[in-house]
């Protein structure tokens, strides 16, 4: 059984200089750069850690939703998730509220299928959602493709 299936994830974040770090995921083998604001010693060369958390949430739930929509045989031609986080003013400045907007484009997209896919992601499948103590709210928008 792979580490991912067993529930164990590992990685390494290596300091480069200033506040720049390179994050390496062991399961995927992928890497990305995190960095801080130049006013605080960063080089402004990568995503901020809290920004990465927001993007991880959008990616996790987006993967769930598109997967479920495919299983529901929805003809999706475009899909994205807009995400916005609101942080507490005091340290540790955690996200107090996160807003997700799912945009689904396609032919004859069922509103019921979209709503249910998002609900399943948010209440059952997305591990990032389950890991956050933030209030997470969502909306969706369907952009129907013109008749073929």
N, C-alpha and C. Protein backbone atom coordinates (compact mmCIF):
# COMPACT_ATOMS: atom_id res chain seq x y z
N UNK A 1 0.85 -1.18 0.00
CA UNK A 1 0.00 0.00 0.00
C UNK A 1 0.90 1.24 0.00
N UNK A 2 0.59 2.20 -0.85
CA UNK A 2 1.39 3.42 -0.92
C UNK A 2 1.18 4.27 0.32
N UNK A 3 2.13 5.19 0.56
CA UNK A 3 2.00 6.09 1.72
C UNK A 3 0.71 6.89 1.64
N UNK A 4 0.35 7.31 0.41
CA UNK A 4 -0.85 8.11 0.24
C UNK A 4 -2.08 7.32 0.67
N UNK A 5 -2.17 6.07 0.26
CA UNK A 5 -3.32 5.24 0.62
C UNK A 5 -3.34 4.94 2.12
N UNK A 6 -2.18 4.83 2.73
CA UNK A 6 -2.10 4.53 4.15
C UNK A 6 -2.37 5.76 5.01
N UNK A 7 -2.41 6.94 4.39
CA UNK A 7 -2.70 8.16 5.15
C UNK A 7 -1.46 8.89 5.62
N UNK A 8 -0.27 8.42 5.30
CA UNK A 8 0.95 9.07 5.74
C UNK A 8 1.54 9.90 4.60
N UNK A 9 1.70 11.16 4.85
CA UNK A 9 2.36 12.05 3.90
C UNK A 9 3.61 12.58 4.56
N UNK A 10 4.64 12.73 3.76
CA UNK A 10 5.88 13.30 4.26
C UNK A 10 6.40 14.28 3.23
N UNK A 11 7.24 15.14 3.68
CA UNK A 11 7.87 16.08 2.78
C UNK A 11 9.00 16.77 3.50
N UNK A 12 9.60 17.69 2.80
CA UNK A 12 10.69 18.46 3.41
C UNK A 12 10.59 19.87 2.87
N UNK A 13 10.80 20.82 3.76
CA UNK A 13 10.88 22.23 3.40
C UNK A 13 12.29 22.68 3.73
N UNK A 14 13.03 23.10 2.70
CA UNK A 14 14.43 23.45 2.85
C UNK A 14 14.64 24.94 2.67
N UNK A 15 15.31 25.55 3.64
CA UNK A 15 15.61 26.97 3.59
C UNK A 15 16.64 27.24 2.51
N UNK A 16 16.42 28.28 1.70
CA UNK A 16 17.36 28.66 0.65
C UNK A 16 18.12 29.91 1.11
N UNK A 17 17.37 31.02 1.28
CA UNK A 17 17.96 32.26 1.81
C UNK A 17 16.81 33.19 2.19
N UNK A 18 17.12 34.22 2.97
CA UNK A 18 16.07 35.14 3.40
C UNK A 18 14.95 34.36 4.06
N UNK A 19 13.75 34.47 3.53
CA UNK A 19 12.61 33.67 3.99
C UNK A 19 12.16 32.68 2.90
N UNK A 20 13.02 32.45 1.94
CA UNK A 20 12.69 31.55 0.83
C UNK A 20 12.96 30.10 1.23
N UNK A 21 11.97 29.26 0.97
CA UNK A 21 12.05 27.82 1.22
C UNK A 21 11.58 27.09 -0.02
N UNK A 22 12.12 25.91 -0.25
CA UNK A 22 11.62 25.04 -1.31
C UNK A 22 10.97 23.85 -0.63
N UNK A 23 9.71 23.61 -0.98
CA UNK A 23 8.94 22.51 -0.41
C UNK A 23 8.94 21.35 -1.40
N UNK A 24 9.25 20.16 -0.91
CA UNK A 24 9.28 18.94 -1.73
C UNK A 24 8.29 17.94 -1.15
N UNK A 25 7.36 17.49 -1.96
CA UNK A 25 6.43 16.46 -1.53
C UNK A 25 7.00 15.09 -1.84
N UNK A 26 7.03 14.21 -0.83
CA UNK A 26 7.61 12.88 -1.03
C UNK A 26 6.73 12.01 -1.92
N UNK A 27 5.43 12.05 -1.73
CA UNK A 27 4.53 11.19 -2.50
C UNK A 27 4.55 11.58 -3.97
N UNK A 28 4.42 12.88 -4.25
CA UNK A 28 4.34 13.34 -5.65
C UNK A 28 5.71 13.57 -6.27
N UNK A 29 6.69 13.89 -5.44
CA UNK A 29 8.00 14.25 -5.96
C UNK A 29 8.05 15.68 -6.47
N UNK A 30 6.95 16.39 -6.39
CA UNK A 30 6.87 17.77 -6.89
C UNK A 30 7.43 18.75 -5.86
N UNK A 31 7.77 19.93 -6.36
CA UNK A 31 8.33 20.96 -5.48
C UNK A 31 7.72 22.31 -5.84
N UNK A 32 7.72 23.22 -4.86
CA UNK A 32 7.32 24.60 -5.10
C UNK A 32 8.05 25.51 -4.12
N UNK A 33 8.10 26.78 -4.47
CA UNK A 33 8.83 27.77 -3.66
C UNK A 33 7.85 28.53 -2.79
N UNK A 34 8.20 28.69 -1.52
CA UNK A 34 7.48 29.57 -0.61
C UNK A 34 8.42 30.69 -0.22
N UNK A 35 7.87 31.86 -0.05
CA UNK A 35 8.70 33.00 0.33
C UNK A 35 7.86 34.02 1.08
N UNK A 36 8.54 34.98 1.67
CA UNK A 36 7.87 36.01 2.45
C UNK A 36 7.96 37.37 1.81
N UNK A 37 7.32 38.29 2.45
CA UNK A 37 7.29 39.69 2.03
C UNK A 37 8.70 40.29 2.18
N UNK A 38 9.16 41.05 1.19
CA UNK A 38 10.48 41.68 1.29
C UNK A 38 10.62 42.61 2.51
N UNK A 39 9.52 43.16 2.98
CA UNK A 39 9.56 44.02 4.17
C UNK A 39 9.88 43.24 5.44
N UNK A 40 9.80 41.91 5.35
CA UNK A 40 10.08 41.07 6.51
C UNK A 40 11.23 40.12 6.26
N UNK A 41 12.04 40.39 5.23
CA UNK A 41 13.21 39.57 4.96
C UNK A 41 13.04 38.56 3.83
N UNK A 42 11.90 38.58 3.18
CA UNK A 42 11.67 37.67 2.07
C UNK A 42 12.19 38.21 0.76
N UNK A 43 12.19 37.37 -0.26
CA UNK A 43 12.64 37.75 -1.59
C UNK A 43 11.46 37.95 -2.55
N UNK A 44 10.25 37.67 -2.09
CA UNK A 44 9.04 37.79 -2.90
C UNK A 44 9.11 36.90 -4.13
N UNK A 45 9.66 35.68 -3.96
CA UNK A 45 9.89 34.79 -5.10
C UNK A 45 8.99 33.56 -5.12
N UNK A 46 8.03 33.50 -4.22
CA UNK A 46 7.15 32.33 -4.18
C UNK A 46 5.88 32.64 -3.44
N UNK A 47 5.03 31.63 -3.34
CA UNK A 47 3.77 31.82 -2.62
C UNK A 47 4.03 31.91 -1.12
N UNK A 48 3.20 32.68 -0.46
CA UNK A 48 3.26 32.76 1.00
C UNK A 48 2.66 31.47 1.57
N UNK A 49 3.09 31.02 2.73
CA UNK A 49 2.53 29.79 3.31
C UNK A 49 1.00 29.84 3.48
N UNK A 50 0.47 30.97 3.94
CA UNK A 50 -0.98 31.07 4.11
C UNK A 50 -1.69 31.10 2.76
N UNK A 51 -1.05 31.65 1.76
CA UNK A 51 -1.59 31.63 0.40
C UNK A 51 -1.60 30.19 -0.12
N UNK A 52 -0.56 29.44 0.17
CA UNK A 52 -0.48 28.04 -0.24
C UNK A 52 -1.60 27.22 0.40
N UNK A 53 -1.94 27.56 1.64
CA UNK A 53 -3.03 26.87 2.33
C UNK A 53 -4.36 27.11 1.60
N UNK A 54 -4.61 28.36 1.23
CA UNK A 54 -5.83 28.69 0.48
C UNK A 54 -5.87 27.95 -0.85
N UNK A 55 -4.75 27.97 -1.56
CA UNK A 55 -4.69 27.29 -2.86
C UNK A 55 -4.84 25.78 -2.71
N UNK A 56 -4.32 25.23 -1.62
CA UNK A 56 -4.49 23.80 -1.36
C UNK A 56 -5.96 23.45 -1.14
N UNK A 57 -6.65 24.30 -0.41
CA UNK A 57 -8.08 24.09 -0.20
C UNK A 57 -8.83 24.11 -1.53
N UNK A 58 -8.56 25.13 -2.35
CA UNK A 58 -9.22 25.25 -3.65
C UNK A 58 -8.88 24.05 -4.54
N UNK A 59 -7.63 23.62 -4.53
CA UNK A 59 -7.23 22.47 -5.33
C UNK A 59 -7.86 21.18 -4.87
N UNK A 60 -7.90 20.96 -3.58
CA UNK A 60 -8.47 19.74 -3.01
C UNK A 60 -9.96 19.63 -3.36
N UNK A 61 -10.69 20.66 -3.06
CA UNK A 61 -12.13 20.62 -3.31
C UNK A 61 -12.42 20.65 -4.82
N UNK A 62 -11.59 21.37 -5.57
CA UNK A 62 -11.76 21.39 -7.03
C UNK A 62 -11.58 20.01 -7.64
N UNK A 63 -10.58 19.27 -7.17
CA UNK A 63 -10.37 17.91 -7.68
C UNK A 63 -11.57 17.02 -7.37
N UNK A 64 -12.10 17.16 -6.16
CA UNK A 64 -13.29 16.38 -5.80
C UNK A 64 -14.45 16.71 -6.72
N UNK A 65 -14.73 18.01 -6.87
CA UNK A 65 -15.91 18.43 -7.63
C UNK A 65 -15.81 18.00 -9.09
N UNK A 66 -14.67 18.20 -9.73
CA UNK A 66 -14.55 17.81 -11.13
C UNK A 66 -14.65 16.30 -11.29
N UNK A 67 -14.10 15.56 -10.35
CA UNK A 67 -14.19 14.10 -10.39
C UNK A 67 -15.64 13.64 -10.26
N UNK A 68 -16.38 14.22 -9.34
CA UNK A 68 -17.78 13.86 -9.14
C UNK A 68 -18.62 14.26 -10.36
N UNK A 69 -18.37 15.46 -10.90
CA UNK A 69 -19.11 15.89 -12.09
C UNK A 69 -18.87 14.96 -13.27
N UNK A 70 -17.65 14.48 -13.42
CA UNK A 70 -17.36 13.52 -14.50
C UNK A 70 -18.15 12.24 -14.30
N UNK A 71 -18.20 11.76 -13.04
CA UNK A 71 -18.96 10.54 -12.75
C UNK A 71 -20.44 10.74 -13.02
N UNK A 72 -20.89 11.97 -12.87
CA UNK A 72 -22.30 12.29 -13.15
C UNK A 72 -22.52 12.59 -14.64
N UNK A 73 -21.48 12.38 -15.44
CA UNK A 73 -21.52 12.55 -16.89
C UNK A 73 -21.89 13.97 -17.33
N UNK A 74 -21.39 14.94 -16.58
CA UNK A 74 -21.59 16.33 -16.95
C UNK A 74 -20.54 16.72 -17.98
N UNK A 75 -20.94 17.44 -19.02
CA UNK A 75 -20.03 17.84 -20.09
C UNK A 75 -19.35 19.16 -19.73
N UNK A 76 -18.37 19.08 -18.86
CA UNK A 76 -17.65 20.26 -18.38
C UNK A 76 -16.56 20.63 -19.39
N UNK A 77 -16.56 21.88 -19.82
CA UNK A 77 -15.53 22.37 -20.75
C UNK A 77 -14.56 23.34 -20.07
N UNK A 78 -14.94 23.83 -18.91
CA UNK A 78 -14.08 24.73 -18.15
C UNK A 78 -14.49 24.70 -16.70
N UNK A 79 -13.51 24.83 -15.81
CA UNK A 79 -13.82 24.77 -14.38
C UNK A 79 -12.71 25.48 -13.62
N UNK A 80 -13.08 26.30 -12.66
CA UNK A 80 -12.10 26.90 -11.76
C UNK A 80 -12.75 27.22 -10.44
N UNK A 81 -11.89 27.42 -9.44
CA UNK A 81 -12.34 27.76 -8.10
C UNK A 81 -11.64 29.06 -7.70
N UNK A 82 -12.42 30.09 -7.44
CA UNK A 82 -11.88 31.33 -6.88
C UNK A 82 -11.94 31.21 -5.37
N UNK A 83 -10.89 31.62 -4.69
CA UNK A 83 -10.84 31.49 -3.24
C UNK A 83 -10.39 32.81 -2.62
N UNK A 84 -10.99 33.14 -1.48
CA UNK A 84 -10.63 34.36 -0.75
C UNK A 84 -10.64 34.03 0.75
N UNK A 85 -9.59 34.42 1.43
CA UNK A 85 -9.49 34.16 2.86
C UNK A 85 -9.41 35.45 3.65
N UNK A 86 -10.05 35.45 4.81
CA UNK A 86 -10.03 36.60 5.71
C UNK A 86 -9.36 36.16 7.01
N UNK A 87 -8.30 36.89 7.38
CA UNK A 87 -7.48 36.47 8.52
C UNK A 87 -7.77 37.30 9.75
N UNK A 88 -7.56 36.69 10.90
CA UNK A 88 -7.69 37.38 12.18
C UNK A 88 -6.61 38.45 12.26
N UNK A 89 -6.89 39.57 12.92
CA UNK A 89 -5.90 40.64 12.99
C UNK A 89 -4.72 40.34 13.93
N UNK A 90 -4.91 39.44 14.86
CA UNK A 90 -3.87 39.10 15.84
C UNK A 90 -3.23 37.76 15.53
N UNK A 91 -1.98 37.60 15.94
CA UNK A 91 -1.27 36.34 15.74
C UNK A 91 -1.98 35.21 16.47
N UNK A 92 -2.09 34.09 15.85
CA UNK A 92 -1.39 33.60 14.67
C UNK A 92 -2.04 33.98 13.34
N UNK A 93 -2.96 34.89 13.31
CA UNK A 93 -3.60 35.39 12.10
C UNK A 93 -4.17 34.27 11.23
N UNK A 94 -4.88 33.36 11.85
CA UNK A 94 -5.49 32.24 11.14
C UNK A 94 -6.66 32.74 10.30
N UNK A 95 -7.07 31.91 9.35
CA UNK A 95 -8.21 32.28 8.53
C UNK A 95 -9.49 32.12 9.35
N UNK A 96 -10.21 33.20 9.51
CA UNK A 96 -11.47 33.15 10.23
C UNK A 96 -12.62 32.79 9.30
N UNK A 97 -12.46 33.13 8.05
CA UNK A 97 -13.50 32.86 7.04
C UNK A 97 -12.82 32.66 5.68
N UNK A 98 -13.29 31.67 4.96
CA UNK A 98 -12.80 31.39 3.61
C UNK A 98 -14.01 31.28 2.70
N UNK A 99 -13.93 31.97 1.58
CA UNK A 99 -15.01 31.93 0.59
C UNK A 99 -14.51 31.24 -0.68
N UNK A 100 -15.27 30.29 -1.14
CA UNK A 100 -14.97 29.57 -2.37
C UNK A 100 -16.07 29.86 -3.39
N UNK A 101 -15.68 30.15 -4.61
CA UNK A 101 -16.63 30.29 -5.70
C UNK A 101 -16.23 29.29 -6.77
N UNK A 102 -17.11 28.35 -7.05
CA UNK A 102 -16.89 27.34 -8.06
C UNK A 102 -17.53 27.82 -9.36
N UNK A 103 -16.78 27.82 -10.43
CA UNK A 103 -17.32 28.22 -11.72
C UNK A 103 -17.21 27.02 -12.66
N UNK A 104 -18.37 26.60 -13.15
CA UNK A 104 -18.44 25.42 -14.02
C UNK A 104 -18.97 25.87 -15.38
N UNK A 105 -18.24 25.54 -16.40
CA UNK A 105 -18.66 25.87 -17.76
C UNK A 105 -18.86 24.56 -18.52
N UNK A 106 -19.90 24.50 -19.31
CA UNK A 106 -20.11 23.29 -20.10
C UNK A 106 -21.45 23.28 -20.80
N UNK A 107 -21.79 22.13 -21.37
CA UNK A 107 -23.05 21.95 -22.09
C UNK A 107 -24.06 21.27 -21.19
N UNK A 108 -25.21 21.87 -21.06
CA UNK A 108 -26.34 21.29 -20.33
C UNK A 108 -25.93 20.84 -18.92
N UNK A 109 -25.23 21.71 -18.22
CA UNK A 109 -24.77 21.39 -16.86
C UNK A 109 -25.96 21.43 -15.90
N UNK A 110 -26.10 20.41 -15.10
CA UNK A 110 -27.17 20.31 -14.13
C UNK A 110 -26.80 21.08 -12.86
N UNK A 111 -27.65 22.03 -12.49
CA UNK A 111 -27.40 22.78 -11.25
C UNK A 111 -27.40 21.85 -10.05
N UNK A 112 -28.30 20.88 -10.06
CA UNK A 112 -28.37 19.91 -8.96
C UNK A 112 -27.06 19.11 -8.86
N UNK A 113 -26.50 18.71 -9.99
CA UNK A 113 -25.25 17.95 -9.98
C UNK A 113 -24.10 18.79 -9.42
N UNK A 114 -24.06 20.06 -9.80
CA UNK A 114 -23.01 20.95 -9.30
C UNK A 114 -23.15 21.14 -7.79
N UNK A 115 -24.35 21.47 -7.34
CA UNK A 115 -24.57 21.71 -5.92
C UNK A 115 -24.22 20.47 -5.09
N UNK A 116 -24.63 19.30 -5.55
CA UNK A 116 -24.37 18.06 -4.81
C UNK A 116 -22.88 17.72 -4.81
N UNK A 117 -22.20 17.96 -5.92
CA UNK A 117 -20.76 17.69 -6.00
C UNK A 117 -20.00 18.55 -5.00
N UNK A 118 -20.36 19.81 -4.92
CA UNK A 118 -19.71 20.71 -3.97
C UNK A 118 -20.01 20.29 -2.54
N UNK A 119 -21.26 19.98 -2.27
CA UNK A 119 -21.65 19.55 -0.93
C UNK A 119 -20.87 18.30 -0.49
N UNK A 120 -20.77 17.32 -1.38
CA UNK A 120 -20.02 16.10 -1.06
C UNK A 120 -18.55 16.40 -0.78
N UNK A 121 -17.97 17.28 -1.59
CA UNK A 121 -16.57 17.64 -1.37
C UNK A 121 -16.39 18.28 0.00
N UNK A 122 -17.24 19.23 0.30
CA UNK A 122 -17.09 20.01 1.53
C UNK A 122 -17.44 19.23 2.80
N UNK A 123 -18.33 18.26 2.69
CA UNK A 123 -18.77 17.54 3.90
C UNK A 123 -18.19 16.14 4.05
N UNK A 124 -17.65 15.59 2.94
CA UNK A 124 -17.20 14.21 3.02
C UNK A 124 -15.79 13.95 2.52
N UNK A 125 -15.39 14.56 1.40
CA UNK A 125 -14.17 14.14 0.73
C UNK A 125 -12.94 15.01 0.92
N UNK A 126 -13.07 16.31 0.98
CA UNK A 126 -11.89 17.18 0.99
C UNK A 126 -11.22 17.20 2.37
N UNK A 127 -10.05 16.60 2.43
CA UNK A 127 -9.30 16.55 3.68
C UNK A 127 -8.80 17.90 4.14
N UNK A 128 -8.55 18.81 3.20
CA UNK A 128 -8.10 20.15 3.58
C UNK A 128 -9.24 20.87 4.29
N UNK A 129 -10.45 20.79 3.76
CA UNK A 129 -11.61 21.40 4.42
C UNK A 129 -11.74 20.86 5.84
N UNK A 130 -11.65 19.56 5.98
CA UNK A 130 -11.82 18.93 7.30
C UNK A 130 -10.71 19.31 8.27
N UNK A 131 -9.56 19.72 7.75
CA UNK A 131 -8.42 20.06 8.60
C UNK A 131 -8.44 21.50 9.10
N UNK A 132 -9.32 22.32 8.55
CA UNK A 132 -9.35 23.74 8.91
C UNK A 132 -10.44 24.03 9.93
N UNK A 133 -10.16 24.96 10.83
CA UNK A 133 -11.19 25.37 11.79
C UNK A 133 -11.91 26.63 11.33
N UNK A 134 -11.59 27.09 10.15
CA UNK A 134 -12.18 28.30 9.59
C UNK A 134 -13.64 28.07 9.19
N UNK A 135 -14.40 29.17 9.16
CA UNK A 135 -15.72 29.13 8.55
C UNK A 135 -15.48 29.10 7.04
N UNK A 136 -16.03 28.10 6.38
CA UNK A 136 -15.87 27.99 4.94
C UNK A 136 -17.25 28.07 4.30
N UNK A 137 -17.42 29.05 3.44
CA UNK A 137 -18.69 29.22 2.73
C UNK A 137 -18.41 29.11 1.24
N UNK A 138 -19.43 28.75 0.50
CA UNK A 138 -19.21 28.61 -0.94
C UNK A 138 -20.44 29.02 -1.74
N UNK A 139 -20.17 29.40 -2.97
CA UNK A 139 -21.19 29.68 -3.96
C UNK A 139 -20.74 29.00 -5.24
N UNK A 140 -21.63 28.96 -6.21
CA UNK A 140 -21.22 28.43 -7.50
C UNK A 140 -21.94 29.19 -8.59
N UNK A 141 -21.36 29.09 -9.77
CA UNK A 141 -21.90 29.75 -10.95
C UNK A 141 -21.73 28.78 -12.11
N UNK A 142 -22.76 28.66 -12.91
CA UNK A 142 -22.72 27.78 -14.08
C UNK A 142 -22.77 28.68 -15.32
N UNK A 143 -21.83 28.46 -16.21
CA UNK A 143 -21.80 29.17 -17.48
C UNK A 143 -22.07 28.15 -18.58
N UNK A 144 -23.29 28.15 -19.06
CA UNK A 144 -23.66 27.19 -20.10
C UNK A 144 -22.98 27.56 -21.42
N UNK A 145 -22.43 26.57 -22.08
CA UNK A 145 -21.87 26.76 -23.40
C UNK A 145 -23.03 26.94 -24.38
N UNK A 146 -22.81 27.69 -25.47
CA UNK A 146 -23.87 27.82 -26.47
C UNK A 146 -24.19 26.47 -27.10
N UNK A 147 -25.37 26.37 -27.65
CA UNK A 147 -25.80 25.13 -28.28
C UNK A 147 -24.83 24.77 -29.40
N UNK A 148 -24.48 23.50 -29.44
CA UNK A 148 -23.55 23.01 -30.46
C UNK A 148 -24.18 22.93 -31.81
